[in-house]
Amino acid sequence: MCANPGERASGLIDAVSAVRSGELIVLPTDTVYGIGADAFTPTAVSALLEAKGRGRDMPVPVLVGTVRAANALVEGLGSYGQDLVDAFWPGPLTLICRVNRSLTWDLGETKGTVALRMPLHGVALDLLKETGPMAVSSANRSGAVPAVTAAEAEEQLGESVAVYLDGGPCEDSAPSTILDLTTPVPRVLRNGAIPADKLKAIVGYLATD
């Protein structure tokens, strides 16, 4: 754990080292705490899924520290993607895009897509700018309540995680809104912190499940 600024700096160094070594970490975000791994290390992503008790049929989203990093992971942001990024990133909006087919990674059964987000949290962004894109899911066992503190995450995930990066309690535990940009009309797959009317102001029309 790392509570004060000095300990957080040390914790950040430890977390970066763990990610680069293919280990799992827990990190704070602007929604809930996440369990993360290097997106390009398949064994680490598999370990993440195992730690959560989650199958490959529920692929792991990817967090990025810069828009440039996001653009490198996808074929394109589509007609509305850049406007949405400009309006809501960093923040609680997850965008599903067609993945760059030249990438060699394994996030699960993605069907050629990737779910991307840039969190509005200083600690998370500092980490991601050092590690590059990370596969990150909520820091809880599958089906359990997502952790809003590092201690809650540790209670659920225990020794499966190498470093618990403590950024204090999450200020807003509302999940990110998930918007699919791979269909002709953007589709809301999960309602969350960004309300539909704000999305409609950008894209005009939304499909909902």
N, C-alpha and C. Protein backbone atom coordinates (compact mmCIF):
# COMPACT_ATOMS: atom_id res chain seq x y z
N MET A 1 0.83 -1.19 0.00
CA MET A 1 0.00 0.00 0.00
C MET A 1 0.88 1.25 0.00
N CYS A 2 0.35 2.36 -0.47
CA CYS A 2 1.11 3.60 -0.48
C CYS A 2 0.15 4.76 -0.27
N ALA A 3 0.26 5.45 0.89
CA ALA A 3 -0.73 6.44 1.26
C ALA A 3 -0.27 7.87 1.02
N ASN A 4 0.94 8.25 1.52
CA ASN A 4 1.37 9.63 1.34
C ASN A 4 2.11 9.80 0.02
N PRO A 5 2.38 11.07 -0.39
CA PRO A 5 2.99 11.29 -1.72
C PRO A 5 4.29 10.54 -1.95
N GLY A 6 5.16 10.50 -0.92
CA GLY A 6 6.41 9.77 -1.09
C GLY A 6 6.20 8.29 -1.30
N GLU A 7 5.28 7.72 -0.53
CA GLU A 7 4.99 6.29 -0.69
C GLU A 7 4.32 6.01 -2.04
N ARG A 8 3.49 6.96 -2.50
CA ARG A 8 2.84 6.77 -3.80
C ARG A 8 3.87 6.78 -4.92
N ALA A 9 4.86 7.67 -4.82
CA ALA A 9 5.90 7.70 -5.85
C ALA A 9 6.65 6.38 -5.89
N SER A 10 6.98 5.86 -4.71
CA SER A 10 7.65 4.57 -4.62
C SER A 10 6.75 3.46 -5.15
N GLY A 11 5.46 3.55 -4.78
CA GLY A 11 4.51 2.54 -5.25
C GLY A 11 4.35 2.56 -6.75
N LEU A 12 4.41 3.75 -7.35
CA LEU A 12 4.30 3.87 -8.79
C LEU A 12 5.48 3.19 -9.47
N ILE A 13 6.67 3.40 -8.94
CA ILE A 13 7.87 2.74 -9.50
C ILE A 13 7.72 1.23 -9.41
N ASP A 14 7.26 0.74 -8.26
CA ASP A 14 7.07 -0.70 -8.08
C ASP A 14 6.01 -1.24 -9.05
N ALA A 15 4.94 -0.45 -9.24
CA ALA A 15 3.87 -0.90 -10.13
C ALA A 15 4.35 -0.98 -11.58
N VAL A 16 5.10 0.02 -12.02
CA VAL A 16 5.63 0.01 -13.38
C VAL A 16 6.53 -1.21 -13.58
N SER A 17 7.39 -1.47 -12.60
CA SER A 17 8.29 -2.62 -12.67
C SER A 17 7.51 -3.93 -12.75
N ALA A 18 6.45 -4.04 -11.95
CA ALA A 18 5.65 -5.26 -11.95
C ALA A 18 4.97 -5.48 -13.29
N VAL A 19 4.41 -4.42 -13.86
CA VAL A 19 3.74 -4.55 -15.15
C VAL A 19 4.73 -4.99 -16.22
N ARG A 20 5.90 -4.39 -16.23
CA ARG A 20 6.91 -4.75 -17.22
C ARG A 20 7.42 -6.17 -17.03
N SER A 21 7.27 -6.71 -15.82
CA SER A 21 7.70 -8.08 -15.53
C SER A 21 6.59 -9.09 -15.78
N GLY A 22 5.44 -8.62 -16.26
CA GLY A 22 4.33 -9.53 -16.56
C GLY A 22 3.49 -9.88 -15.36
N GLU A 23 3.58 -9.09 -14.29
CA GLU A 23 2.79 -9.35 -13.09
C GLU A 23 1.53 -8.49 -13.07
N LEU A 24 0.64 -8.80 -12.14
CA LEU A 24 -0.61 -8.07 -12.00
C LEU A 24 -0.46 -6.97 -10.97
N ILE A 25 -1.16 -5.85 -11.21
CA ILE A 25 -1.22 -4.78 -10.23
C ILE A 25 -2.67 -4.34 -10.05
N VAL A 26 -2.92 -3.62 -8.97
CA VAL A 26 -4.20 -2.95 -8.78
C VAL A 26 -3.92 -1.45 -8.80
N LEU A 27 -4.77 -0.71 -9.52
CA LEU A 27 -4.57 0.73 -9.67
C LEU A 27 -5.88 1.47 -9.48
N PRO A 28 -5.80 2.73 -9.01
CA PRO A 28 -7.02 3.54 -8.89
C PRO A 28 -7.40 4.12 -10.25
N THR A 29 -8.69 4.34 -10.45
CA THR A 29 -9.16 5.07 -11.63
C THR A 29 -10.21 6.07 -11.16
N ASP A 30 -10.81 6.77 -12.11
CA ASP A 30 -11.85 7.73 -11.78
C ASP A 30 -13.20 7.08 -11.54
N THR A 31 -13.31 5.77 -11.72
CA THR A 31 -14.56 5.07 -11.44
C THR A 31 -14.34 4.15 -10.24
N VAL A 32 -13.81 2.96 -10.47
CA VAL A 32 -13.48 2.03 -9.38
C VAL A 32 -12.02 1.60 -9.55
N TYR A 33 -11.52 0.86 -8.56
CA TYR A 33 -10.16 0.32 -8.70
C TYR A 33 -10.16 -0.76 -9.77
N GLY A 34 -9.01 -0.86 -10.46
CA GLY A 34 -8.87 -1.85 -11.52
C GLY A 34 -7.73 -2.81 -11.25
N ILE A 35 -7.86 -4.01 -11.78
CA ILE A 35 -6.75 -4.96 -11.79
C ILE A 35 -6.19 -4.95 -13.20
N GLY A 36 -4.87 -4.73 -13.31
CA GLY A 36 -4.29 -4.51 -14.62
C GLY A 36 -3.06 -5.33 -14.91
N ALA A 37 -2.77 -5.44 -16.20
CA ALA A 37 -1.60 -6.18 -16.69
C ALA A 37 -1.18 -5.57 -18.01
N ASP A 38 0.05 -5.82 -18.40
CA ASP A 38 0.52 -5.38 -19.72
C ASP A 38 -0.37 -5.99 -20.79
N ALA A 39 -0.95 -5.13 -21.63
CA ALA A 39 -1.89 -5.60 -22.65
C ALA A 39 -1.24 -6.52 -23.67
N PHE A 40 0.09 -6.45 -23.81
CA PHE A 40 0.79 -7.22 -24.84
C PHE A 40 1.49 -8.46 -24.29
N THR A 41 1.18 -8.82 -23.04
CA THR A 41 1.74 -10.03 -22.44
C THR A 41 0.61 -11.02 -22.20
N PRO A 42 0.39 -11.98 -23.13
CA PRO A 42 -0.77 -12.87 -23.02
C PRO A 42 -0.84 -13.64 -21.70
N THR A 43 0.31 -14.06 -21.18
CA THR A 43 0.28 -14.80 -19.91
C THR A 43 -0.22 -13.92 -18.77
N ALA A 44 0.12 -12.62 -18.82
CA ALA A 44 -0.35 -11.70 -17.79
C ALA A 44 -1.85 -11.48 -17.90
N VAL A 45 -2.35 -11.34 -19.13
CA VAL A 45 -3.79 -11.17 -19.33
C VAL A 45 -4.54 -12.42 -18.87
N SER A 46 -3.99 -13.58 -19.16
CA SER A 46 -4.60 -14.83 -18.70
C SER A 46 -4.64 -14.90 -17.18
N ALA A 47 -3.56 -14.45 -16.54
CA ALA A 47 -3.51 -14.43 -15.08
C ALA A 47 -4.55 -13.47 -14.51
N LEU A 48 -4.77 -12.35 -15.20
CA LEU A 48 -5.79 -11.39 -14.78
C LEU A 48 -7.18 -12.05 -14.81
N LEU A 49 -7.49 -12.71 -15.91
CA LEU A 49 -8.78 -13.38 -16.02
C LEU A 49 -8.93 -14.44 -14.93
N GLU A 50 -7.87 -15.18 -14.66
CA GLU A 50 -7.91 -16.22 -13.63
C GLU A 50 -8.11 -15.61 -12.25
N ALA A 51 -7.43 -14.50 -11.97
CA ALA A 51 -7.56 -13.85 -10.67
C ALA A 51 -9.00 -13.38 -10.43
N LYS A 52 -9.66 -12.94 -11.49
CA LYS A 52 -11.04 -12.48 -11.36
C LYS A 52 -12.04 -13.62 -11.41
N GLY A 53 -11.62 -14.80 -11.88
CA GLY A 53 -12.57 -15.87 -12.09
C GLY A 53 -13.46 -15.60 -13.29
N ARG A 54 -12.84 -15.05 -14.32
CA ARG A 54 -13.58 -14.59 -15.51
C ARG A 54 -13.10 -15.34 -16.74
N GLY A 55 -14.02 -15.65 -17.66
CA GLY A 55 -13.66 -16.41 -18.84
C GLY A 55 -13.22 -15.55 -20.00
N ARG A 56 -12.66 -16.20 -21.02
CA ARG A 56 -12.20 -15.49 -22.21
C ARG A 56 -13.36 -14.88 -23.00
N ASP A 57 -14.58 -15.33 -22.72
CA ASP A 57 -15.74 -14.79 -23.42
C ASP A 57 -16.07 -13.37 -22.96
N MET A 58 -15.39 -12.91 -21.91
CA MET A 58 -15.55 -11.53 -21.43
C MET A 58 -14.20 -10.83 -21.52
N PRO A 59 -13.80 -10.40 -22.73
CA PRO A 59 -12.46 -9.85 -22.94
C PRO A 59 -12.21 -8.60 -22.10
N VAL A 60 -10.94 -8.33 -21.87
CA VAL A 60 -10.53 -7.26 -20.97
C VAL A 60 -10.43 -5.94 -21.72
N PRO A 61 -10.99 -4.86 -21.17
CA PRO A 61 -10.80 -3.53 -21.76
C PRO A 61 -9.35 -3.08 -21.63
N VAL A 62 -9.01 -2.03 -22.36
CA VAL A 62 -7.65 -1.49 -22.35
C VAL A 62 -7.69 -0.02 -21.93
N LEU A 63 -6.85 0.35 -20.98
CA LEU A 63 -6.69 1.74 -20.59
C LEU A 63 -5.43 2.31 -21.23
N VAL A 64 -5.51 3.56 -21.64
CA VAL A 64 -4.37 4.24 -22.27
C VAL A 64 -4.12 5.56 -21.55
N GLY A 65 -2.88 6.03 -21.65
CA GLY A 65 -2.50 7.28 -21.02
C GLY A 65 -2.52 8.47 -21.95
N THR A 66 -2.63 8.21 -23.27
CA THR A 66 -2.66 9.29 -24.25
C THR A 66 -3.59 8.91 -25.40
N VAL A 67 -4.11 9.91 -26.09
CA VAL A 67 -4.93 9.66 -27.27
C VAL A 67 -4.08 9.03 -28.37
N ARG A 68 -2.84 9.42 -28.45
CA ARG A 68 -1.94 8.86 -29.46
C ARG A 68 -1.82 7.34 -29.28
N ALA A 69 -1.72 6.90 -28.04
CA ALA A 69 -1.64 5.46 -27.77
C ALA A 69 -2.91 4.76 -28.22
N ALA A 70 -4.06 5.39 -27.99
CA ALA A 70 -5.33 4.80 -28.40
C ALA A 70 -5.39 4.66 -29.92
N ASN A 71 -4.99 5.70 -30.63
CA ASN A 71 -5.03 5.67 -32.09
C ASN A 71 -4.17 4.56 -32.67
N ALA A 72 -3.09 4.22 -31.99
CA ALA A 72 -2.20 3.17 -32.49
C ALA A 72 -2.81 1.78 -32.34
N LEU A 73 -3.85 1.65 -31.52
CA LEU A 73 -4.44 0.35 -31.24
C LEU A 73 -5.62 0.02 -32.13
N VAL A 74 -6.12 1.00 -32.89
CA VAL A 74 -7.35 0.79 -33.64
C VAL A 74 -7.16 1.09 -35.12
N GLU A 75 -8.07 0.55 -35.93
CA GLU A 75 -8.06 0.87 -37.36
C GLU A 75 -8.43 2.33 -37.58
N GLY A 76 -9.26 2.85 -36.72
CA GLY A 76 -9.69 4.24 -36.79
C GLY A 76 -10.77 4.47 -35.76
N LEU A 77 -11.01 5.73 -35.44
CA LEU A 77 -12.03 6.07 -34.45
C LEU A 77 -13.40 6.27 -35.08
N GLY A 78 -13.48 6.15 -36.40
CA GLY A 78 -14.77 6.27 -37.06
C GLY A 78 -15.24 7.70 -37.17
N SER A 79 -16.51 7.87 -37.53
CA SER A 79 -17.06 9.19 -37.81
C SER A 79 -17.15 10.07 -36.58
N TYR A 80 -17.35 9.45 -35.41
CA TYR A 80 -17.63 10.24 -34.21
C TYR A 80 -16.55 10.11 -33.14
N GLY A 81 -15.65 9.16 -33.31
CA GLY A 81 -14.71 8.84 -32.25
C GLY A 81 -13.87 10.00 -31.78
N GLN A 82 -13.29 10.76 -32.71
CA GLN A 82 -12.41 11.85 -32.31
C GLN A 82 -13.18 12.93 -31.56
N ASP A 83 -14.40 13.23 -32.01
CA ASP A 83 -15.21 14.22 -31.31
C ASP A 83 -15.56 13.75 -29.89
N LEU A 84 -15.85 12.47 -29.74
CA LEU A 84 -16.14 11.92 -28.42
C LEU A 84 -14.92 11.97 -27.51
N VAL A 85 -13.77 11.63 -28.07
CA VAL A 85 -12.51 11.70 -27.32
C VAL A 85 -12.25 13.13 -26.87
N ASP A 86 -12.42 14.07 -27.78
CA ASP A 86 -12.19 15.48 -27.45
C ASP A 86 -13.12 15.95 -26.33
N ALA A 87 -14.35 15.44 -26.33
CA ALA A 87 -15.34 15.89 -25.35
C ALA A 87 -15.23 15.20 -24.00
N PHE A 88 -14.85 13.92 -23.98
CA PHE A 88 -15.02 13.13 -22.75
C PHE A 88 -13.76 12.43 -22.24
N TRP A 89 -12.65 12.53 -22.96
CA TRP A 89 -11.40 11.92 -22.46
C TRP A 89 -10.45 12.98 -21.98
N PRO A 90 -9.71 12.74 -20.92
CA PRO A 90 -9.86 11.58 -20.05
C PRO A 90 -11.17 11.66 -19.27
N GLY A 91 -11.76 10.49 -19.05
CA GLY A 91 -13.04 10.45 -18.34
C GLY A 91 -13.70 9.09 -18.47
N PRO A 92 -14.92 8.96 -17.91
CA PRO A 92 -15.58 7.66 -17.82
C PRO A 92 -16.38 7.26 -19.05
N LEU A 93 -15.73 7.29 -20.21
CA LEU A 93 -16.35 6.82 -21.45
C LEU A 93 -15.45 5.78 -22.09
N THR A 94 -15.99 4.57 -22.26
CA THR A 94 -15.29 3.48 -22.93
C THR A 94 -15.80 3.36 -24.36
N LEU A 95 -14.88 3.38 -25.31
CA LEU A 95 -15.23 3.30 -26.73
C LEU A 95 -14.79 1.96 -27.30
N ILE A 96 -15.71 1.28 -27.95
CA ILE A 96 -15.39 0.01 -28.62
C ILE A 96 -15.14 0.30 -30.09
N CYS A 97 -13.94 -0.07 -30.54
CA CYS A 97 -13.50 0.20 -31.91
C CYS A 97 -12.95 -1.07 -32.54
N ARG A 98 -12.80 -1.02 -33.86
CA ARG A 98 -12.13 -2.12 -34.56
C ARG A 98 -10.64 -2.06 -34.25
N VAL A 99 -10.09 -3.21 -33.89
CA VAL A 99 -8.70 -3.24 -33.46
C VAL A 99 -7.76 -3.18 -34.67
N ASN A 100 -6.60 -2.61 -34.47
CA ASN A 100 -5.54 -2.62 -35.47
C ASN A 100 -5.11 -4.06 -35.69
N ARG A 101 -5.32 -4.57 -36.90
CA ARG A 101 -5.10 -6.00 -37.17
C ARG A 101 -3.63 -6.40 -37.15
N SER A 102 -2.73 -5.43 -37.10
CA SER A 102 -1.30 -5.77 -37.04
C SER A 102 -0.84 -6.09 -35.62
N LEU A 103 -1.69 -5.85 -34.63
CA LEU A 103 -1.29 -6.07 -33.24
C LEU A 103 -1.26 -7.55 -32.92
N THR A 104 -0.29 -7.95 -32.11
CA THR A 104 -0.21 -9.33 -31.64
C THR A 104 -0.43 -9.34 -30.14
N TRP A 105 -1.69 -9.46 -29.76
CA TRP A 105 -2.04 -9.55 -28.35
C TRP A 105 -3.21 -10.49 -28.21
N ASP A 106 -3.58 -10.82 -26.98
CA ASP A 106 -4.69 -11.73 -26.73
C ASP A 106 -5.42 -11.26 -25.48
N LEU A 107 -6.53 -10.56 -25.71
CA LEU A 107 -7.32 -10.02 -24.60
C LEU A 107 -8.55 -10.88 -24.30
N GLY A 108 -8.68 -12.00 -25.01
CA GLY A 108 -9.87 -12.82 -24.91
C GLY A 108 -10.58 -12.83 -26.26
N GLU A 109 -11.83 -13.25 -26.24
CA GLU A 109 -12.59 -13.37 -27.48
C GLU A 109 -13.19 -12.02 -27.85
N THR A 110 -12.36 -11.18 -28.49
CA THR A 110 -12.74 -9.80 -28.77
C THR A 110 -13.51 -9.64 -30.08
N LYS A 111 -13.48 -10.64 -30.95
CA LYS A 111 -14.13 -10.56 -32.26
C LYS A 111 -13.64 -9.36 -33.07
N GLY A 112 -12.34 -9.09 -32.95
CA GLY A 112 -11.74 -8.05 -33.76
C GLY A 112 -11.96 -6.64 -33.25
N THR A 113 -12.38 -6.50 -32.00
CA THR A 113 -12.62 -5.17 -31.44
C THR A 113 -11.77 -4.97 -30.19
N VAL A 114 -11.75 -3.74 -29.70
CA VAL A 114 -11.09 -3.43 -28.43
C VAL A 114 -11.89 -2.33 -27.73
N ALA A 115 -12.03 -2.46 -26.42
CA ALA A 115 -12.71 -1.45 -25.61
C ALA A 115 -11.65 -0.55 -24.98
N LEU A 116 -11.66 0.74 -25.31
CA LEU A 116 -10.61 1.67 -24.90
C LEU A 116 -11.14 2.76 -23.99
N ARG A 117 -10.29 3.16 -23.04
CA ARG A 117 -10.65 4.30 -22.18
C ARG A 117 -9.40 4.98 -21.66
N MET A 118 -9.48 6.30 -21.47
CA MET A 118 -8.43 7.05 -20.79
C MET A 118 -9.02 7.60 -19.49
N PRO A 119 -8.57 7.09 -18.34
CA PRO A 119 -9.19 7.49 -17.07
C PRO A 119 -8.78 8.89 -16.63
N LEU A 120 -9.70 9.57 -15.96
CA LEU A 120 -9.43 10.90 -15.43
C LEU A 120 -8.92 10.76 -13.99
N HIS A 121 -7.71 10.26 -13.87
CA HIS A 121 -7.09 10.05 -12.56
C HIS A 121 -5.59 10.20 -12.70
N GLY A 122 -5.01 11.11 -11.93
CA GLY A 122 -3.59 11.42 -12.08
C GLY A 122 -2.68 10.24 -11.89
N VAL A 123 -2.93 9.42 -10.86
CA VAL A 123 -2.07 8.27 -10.60
C VAL A 123 -2.14 7.27 -11.76
N ALA A 124 -3.37 7.01 -12.22
CA ALA A 124 -3.54 6.07 -13.34
C ALA A 124 -2.85 6.57 -14.60
N LEU A 125 -3.00 7.86 -14.89
CA LEU A 125 -2.38 8.41 -16.10
C LEU A 125 -0.86 8.39 -16.00
N ASP A 126 -0.32 8.71 -14.82
CA ASP A 126 1.14 8.64 -14.64
C ASP A 126 1.64 7.22 -14.89
N LEU A 127 0.91 6.25 -14.39
CA LEU A 127 1.28 4.84 -14.58
C LEU A 127 1.22 4.47 -16.06
N LEU A 128 0.13 4.79 -16.72
CA LEU A 128 -0.08 4.38 -18.11
C LEU A 128 0.90 5.03 -19.07
N LYS A 129 1.33 6.24 -18.74
CA LYS A 129 2.32 6.90 -19.59
C LYS A 129 3.68 6.21 -19.50
N GLU A 130 3.91 5.48 -18.41
CA GLU A 130 5.15 4.72 -18.25
C GLU A 130 5.05 3.32 -18.83
N THR A 131 3.91 2.68 -18.63
CA THR A 131 3.76 1.27 -19.02
C THR A 131 3.29 1.09 -20.45
N GLY A 132 2.60 2.10 -20.99
CA GLY A 132 1.89 1.90 -22.24
C GLY A 132 0.54 1.25 -21.96
N PRO A 133 -0.21 0.87 -22.99
CA PRO A 133 -1.56 0.34 -22.81
C PRO A 133 -1.60 -0.86 -21.87
N MET A 134 -2.59 -0.83 -20.98
CA MET A 134 -2.77 -1.92 -20.03
C MET A 134 -4.16 -2.53 -20.16
N ALA A 135 -4.21 -3.85 -20.07
CA ALA A 135 -5.49 -4.55 -19.94
C ALA A 135 -5.95 -4.36 -18.51
N VAL A 136 -7.13 -3.78 -18.32
CA VAL A 136 -7.61 -3.45 -16.97
C VAL A 136 -9.09 -3.79 -16.85
N SER A 137 -9.41 -4.51 -15.79
CA SER A 137 -10.79 -4.81 -15.45
C SER A 137 -11.03 -4.37 -14.01
N SER A 138 -12.28 -4.30 -13.59
CA SER A 138 -12.55 -3.87 -12.21
C SER A 138 -11.90 -4.85 -11.22
N ALA A 139 -11.40 -4.29 -10.13
CA ALA A 139 -10.60 -5.07 -9.17
C ALA A 139 -11.50 -5.80 -8.19
N ASN A 140 -12.09 -6.87 -8.67
CA ASN A 140 -12.96 -7.70 -7.84
C ASN A 140 -13.07 -9.08 -8.47
N ARG A 141 -13.45 -10.04 -7.66
CA ARG A 141 -13.79 -11.34 -8.21
C ARG A 141 -15.06 -11.20 -9.03
N SER A 142 -15.16 -11.96 -10.12
CA SER A 142 -16.31 -11.86 -11.01
C SER A 142 -17.60 -12.08 -10.23
N GLY A 143 -18.53 -11.14 -10.37
CA GLY A 143 -19.81 -11.22 -9.69
C GLY A 143 -19.85 -10.51 -8.36
N ALA A 144 -18.68 -10.13 -7.82
CA ALA A 144 -18.63 -9.43 -6.55
C ALA A 144 -18.67 -7.92 -6.76
N VAL A 145 -18.83 -7.18 -5.67
CA VAL A 145 -18.90 -5.72 -5.76
C VAL A 145 -17.53 -5.16 -6.10
N PRO A 146 -17.41 -4.27 -7.11
CA PRO A 146 -16.13 -3.67 -7.45
C PRO A 146 -15.54 -2.89 -6.29
N ALA A 147 -14.22 -2.95 -6.16
CA ALA A 147 -13.53 -2.29 -5.06
C ALA A 147 -13.43 -0.79 -5.31
N VAL A 148 -13.66 -0.01 -4.27
CA VAL A 148 -13.49 1.44 -4.36
C VAL A 148 -12.32 1.93 -3.51
N THR A 149 -11.61 0.99 -2.86
CA THR A 149 -10.35 1.29 -2.18
C THR A 149 -9.37 0.17 -2.49
N ALA A 150 -8.09 0.45 -2.31
CA ALA A 150 -7.08 -0.58 -2.52
C ALA A 150 -7.25 -1.72 -1.53
N ALA A 151 -7.67 -1.40 -0.30
CA ALA A 151 -7.86 -2.44 0.71
C ALA A 151 -8.98 -3.39 0.32
N GLU A 152 -10.07 -2.85 -0.22
CA GLU A 152 -11.16 -3.72 -0.68
C GLU A 152 -10.70 -4.63 -1.81
N ALA A 153 -9.87 -4.10 -2.69
CA ALA A 153 -9.34 -4.93 -3.78
C ALA A 153 -8.48 -6.06 -3.23
N GLU A 154 -7.65 -5.74 -2.24
CA GLU A 154 -6.76 -6.75 -1.67
C GLU A 154 -7.54 -7.85 -0.96
N GLU A 155 -8.66 -7.49 -0.35
CA GLU A 155 -9.49 -8.48 0.31
C GLU A 155 -9.99 -9.54 -0.68
N GLN A 156 -10.27 -9.10 -1.92
CA GLN A 156 -10.81 -10.02 -2.91
C GLN A 156 -9.74 -10.74 -3.72
N LEU A 157 -8.64 -10.06 -3.99
CA LEU A 157 -7.66 -10.58 -4.95
C LEU A 157 -6.39 -11.12 -4.30
N GLY A 158 -6.11 -10.69 -3.08
CA GLY A 158 -5.02 -11.26 -2.30
C GLY A 158 -3.68 -11.29 -2.99
N GLU A 159 -3.02 -12.44 -2.90
CA GLU A 159 -1.65 -12.57 -3.38
C GLU A 159 -1.54 -12.77 -4.89
N SER A 160 -2.66 -12.80 -5.59
CA SER A 160 -2.60 -12.90 -7.05
C SER A 160 -2.07 -11.61 -7.67
N VAL A 161 -2.08 -10.52 -6.88
CA VAL A 161 -1.63 -9.22 -7.34
C VAL A 161 -0.29 -8.88 -6.70
N ALA A 162 0.65 -8.41 -7.53
CA ALA A 162 2.00 -8.12 -7.03
C ALA A 162 2.08 -6.78 -6.31
N VAL A 163 1.38 -5.76 -6.82
CA VAL A 163 1.45 -4.41 -6.26
C VAL A 163 0.05 -3.82 -6.19
N TYR A 164 -0.30 -3.29 -5.02
CA TYR A 164 -1.54 -2.55 -4.84
C TYR A 164 -1.19 -1.07 -4.77
N LEU A 165 -1.55 -0.33 -5.81
CA LEU A 165 -1.23 1.09 -5.90
C LEU A 165 -2.39 1.88 -5.31
N ASP A 166 -2.17 2.50 -4.16
CA ASP A 166 -3.23 3.15 -3.41
C ASP A 166 -3.35 4.61 -3.80
N GLY A 167 -4.47 4.99 -4.38
CA GLY A 167 -4.73 6.38 -4.74
C GLY A 167 -5.82 6.99 -3.91
N GLY A 168 -6.14 6.36 -2.77
CA GLY A 168 -7.23 6.83 -1.94
C GLY A 168 -8.57 6.30 -2.42
N PRO A 169 -9.64 6.58 -1.68
CA PRO A 169 -10.97 6.09 -2.08
C PRO A 169 -11.41 6.70 -3.40
N CYS A 170 -12.12 5.93 -4.20
CA CYS A 170 -12.67 6.44 -5.45
C CYS A 170 -13.74 7.48 -5.14
N GLU A 171 -13.71 8.60 -5.85
CA GLU A 171 -14.66 9.67 -5.61
C GLU A 171 -16.03 9.37 -6.22
N ASP A 172 -16.06 8.62 -7.30
CA ASP A 172 -17.32 8.33 -7.98
C ASP A 172 -17.26 6.90 -8.50
N SER A 173 -18.06 6.03 -7.91
CA SER A 173 -18.00 4.61 -8.27
C SER A 173 -18.92 4.25 -9.42
N ALA A 174 -19.55 5.25 -10.05
CA ALA A 174 -20.37 4.95 -11.23
C ALA A 174 -19.49 4.39 -12.33
N PRO A 175 -19.90 3.31 -13.00
CA PRO A 175 -19.07 2.74 -14.06
C PRO A 175 -19.00 3.64 -15.27
N SER A 176 -18.02 3.39 -16.11
CA SER A 176 -17.94 4.15 -17.36
C SER A 176 -19.10 3.75 -18.28
N THR A 177 -19.54 4.70 -19.07
CA THR A 177 -20.48 4.42 -20.14
C THR A 177 -19.74 3.71 -21.26
N ILE A 178 -20.32 2.65 -21.80
CA ILE A 178 -19.68 1.92 -22.89
C ILE A 178 -20.44 2.18 -24.19
N LEU A 179 -19.72 2.68 -25.19
CA LEU A 179 -20.33 3.04 -26.47
C LEU A 179 -19.62 2.28 -27.59
N ASP A 180 -20.41 1.52 -28.35
CA ASP A 180 -19.88 0.73 -29.47
C ASP A 180 -19.88 1.58 -30.74
N LEU A 181 -18.68 1.81 -31.28
CA LEU A 181 -18.53 2.59 -32.51
C LEU A 181 -18.31 1.71 -33.73
N THR A 182 -18.49 0.40 -33.61
CA THR A 182 -18.25 -0.50 -34.73
C THR A 182 -19.50 -0.72 -35.57
N THR A 183 -20.62 -0.16 -35.15
CA THR A 183 -21.88 -0.30 -35.89
C THR A 183 -22.21 1.02 -36.59
N PRO A 184 -23.06 0.99 -37.63
CA PRO A 184 -23.38 2.22 -38.37
C PRO A 184 -23.91 3.33 -37.46
N VAL A 185 -24.72 2.95 -36.48
CA VAL A 185 -25.22 3.91 -35.48
C VAL A 185 -24.57 3.56 -34.14
N PRO A 186 -23.90 4.51 -33.49
CA PRO A 186 -23.27 4.22 -32.19
C PRO A 186 -24.29 3.61 -31.23
N ARG A 187 -23.87 2.57 -30.52
CA ARG A 187 -24.78 1.83 -29.65
C ARG A 187 -24.28 1.86 -28.21
N VAL A 188 -25.14 2.25 -27.29
CA VAL A 188 -24.80 2.23 -25.87
C VAL A 188 -24.93 0.79 -25.36
N LEU A 189 -23.81 0.22 -24.92
CA LEU A 189 -23.82 -1.15 -24.39
C LEU A 189 -23.96 -1.16 -22.87
N ARG A 190 -23.57 -0.07 -22.23
CA ARG A 190 -23.75 0.04 -20.78
C ARG A 190 -23.97 1.51 -20.41
N ASN A 191 -25.04 1.79 -19.73
CA ASN A 191 -25.26 3.13 -19.20
C ASN A 191 -24.32 3.36 -18.03
N GLY A 192 -23.77 4.57 -17.94
CA GLY A 192 -22.82 4.84 -16.88
C GLY A 192 -22.72 6.31 -16.59
N ALA A 193 -21.51 6.74 -16.25
CA ALA A 193 -21.29 8.09 -15.75
C ALA A 193 -21.56 9.19 -16.78
N ILE A 194 -21.39 8.88 -18.07
CA ILE A 194 -21.70 9.86 -19.12
C ILE A 194 -23.12 9.59 -19.61
N PRO A 195 -24.06 10.50 -19.35
CA PRO A 195 -25.45 10.24 -19.74
C PRO A 195 -25.66 10.29 -21.25
N ALA A 196 -26.71 9.60 -21.69
CA ALA A 196 -26.98 9.47 -23.12
C ALA A 196 -27.19 10.82 -23.80
N ASP A 197 -27.80 11.78 -23.09
CA ASP A 197 -28.07 13.05 -23.76
C ASP A 197 -26.79 13.79 -24.12
N LYS A 198 -25.74 13.62 -23.30
CA LYS A 198 -24.46 14.25 -23.62
C LYS A 198 -23.81 13.58 -24.83
N LEU A 199 -23.99 12.26 -24.95
CA LEU A 199 -23.46 11.55 -26.12
C LEU A 199 -24.22 11.96 -27.38
N LYS A 200 -25.54 12.10 -27.26
CA LYS A 200 -26.36 12.48 -28.41
C LYS A 200 -25.98 13.85 -28.93
N ALA A 201 -25.53 14.72 -28.03
CA ALA A 201 -25.10 16.05 -28.47
C ALA A 201 -23.92 15.97 -29.41
N ILE A 202 -23.15 14.86 -29.35
CA ILE A 202 -22.00 14.67 -30.22
C ILE A 202 -22.36 13.86 -31.46
N VAL A 203 -23.09 12.74 -31.27
CA VAL A 203 -23.29 11.80 -32.37
C VAL A 203 -24.67 11.93 -33.02
N GLY A 204 -25.59 12.64 -32.40
CA GLY A 204 -26.91 12.84 -32.99
C GLY A 204 -27.93 11.79 -32.62
N TYR A 205 -27.61 10.52 -32.88
CA TYR A 205 -28.57 9.44 -32.61
C TYR A 205 -27.83 8.26 -32.02
N LEU A 206 -28.47 7.61 -31.04
CA LEU A 206 -27.89 6.46 -30.38
C LEU A 206 -28.83 5.27 -30.46
N ALA A 207 -28.26 4.10 -30.67
CA ALA A 207 -29.00 2.86 -30.51
C ALA A 207 -28.75 2.34 -29.10
N THR A 208 -29.74 1.70 -28.49
CA THR A 208 -29.57 1.14 -27.15
C THR A 208 -30.06 -0.29 -27.13
N ASP A 209 -29.44 -1.10 -26.26
CA ASP A 209 -29.89 -2.48 -26.10
C ASP A 209 -31.08 -2.53 -25.16
